[in-house]
Protein backbone atom coordinates (compact mmCIF):
# COMPACT_ATOMS: atom_id res chain seq x y z
CA UNK A 1 -41.89 -16.05 -7.05
CA UNK A 2 -40.21 -16.06 -10.44
CA UNK A 3 -42.63 -13.43 -11.66
CA UNK A 4 -41.16 -10.95 -9.17
CA UNK A 5 -37.91 -11.06 -11.12
CA UNK A 6 -39.80 -9.40 -13.98
CA UNK A 7 -42.31 -7.26 -12.10
CA UNK A 8 -39.94 -5.45 -9.72
CA UNK A 9 -37.58 -4.13 -12.44
CA UNK A 10 -40.57 -3.15 -14.58
CA UNK A 11 -42.12 -1.24 -11.69
CA UNK A 12 -38.84 0.50 -10.96
CA UNK A 13 -38.39 1.40 -14.62
CA UNK A 14 -41.91 2.84 -14.84
CA UNK A 15 -41.39 4.83 -11.66
CA UNK A 16 -38.09 6.24 -12.87
CA UNK A 17 -39.67 7.10 -16.23
CA UNK A 18 -42.45 9.01 -14.48
CA UNK A 19 -39.95 10.82 -12.29
CA UNK A 20 -37.84 11.76 -15.32
CA UNK A 21 -40.93 13.09 -17.13
CA UNK A 22 -41.91 15.14 -14.10
CA UNK A 23 -38.42 16.60 -13.72
CA UNK A 24 -38.34 17.40 -17.44
CA UNK A 25 -41.67 19.25 -17.16
CA UNK A 26 -40.32 21.27 -14.23
CA UNK A 27 -37.25 22.30 -16.22
CA UNK A 28 -39.34 23.10 -19.29
CA UNK A 29 -41.43 25.59 -17.30
CA UNK A 30 -44.75 23.76 -17.50
CA UNK A 31 -45.73 24.92 -14.01
CA UNK A 32 -44.65 28.56 -14.25
CA UNK A 33 -47.99 30.27 -14.90
CA UNK A 34 -50.67 28.33 -13.10
CA UNK A 35 -52.82 31.41 -12.37
CA UNK A 36 -52.73 32.58 -15.97
CA UNK A 37 -54.24 29.34 -17.24
CA UNK A 38 -56.99 29.53 -14.63
CA UNK A 39 -57.86 33.10 -15.58
CA UNK A 40 -57.59 32.52 -19.33
CA UNK A 41 -60.54 30.12 -19.25
CA UNK A 42 -62.70 32.90 -17.77
CA UNK A 43 -61.74 35.43 -20.45
CA UNK A 44 -64.66 35.77 -22.86
CA UNK A 45 -63.13 36.75 -26.19
CA UNK A 46 -66.13 35.84 -28.35
CA UNK A 47 -68.75 38.20 -26.90
CA UNK A 48 -69.73 39.70 -30.28
CA UNK A 49 -69.11 36.56 -32.32
CA UNK A 50 -72.33 34.75 -33.22
CA UNK A 51 -71.14 31.22 -34.01
CA UNK A 52 -74.25 29.31 -32.95
CA UNK A 53 -75.97 29.50 -36.33
CA UNK A 54 -78.65 32.14 -35.72
CA UNK A 55 -79.92 31.08 -32.32
């Protein structure tokens, strides 16, 4: 039971750290343009670029 004295505060500290990181990412605007990132992966900018070494 003595181990709970260490584990409970550590779990609470990790949970609060995760919550603080999530709230920071919300304020920093990390979730503002979710559709843009999804569409950017489909954009084919290298159509004329032959970077495969002559294949």
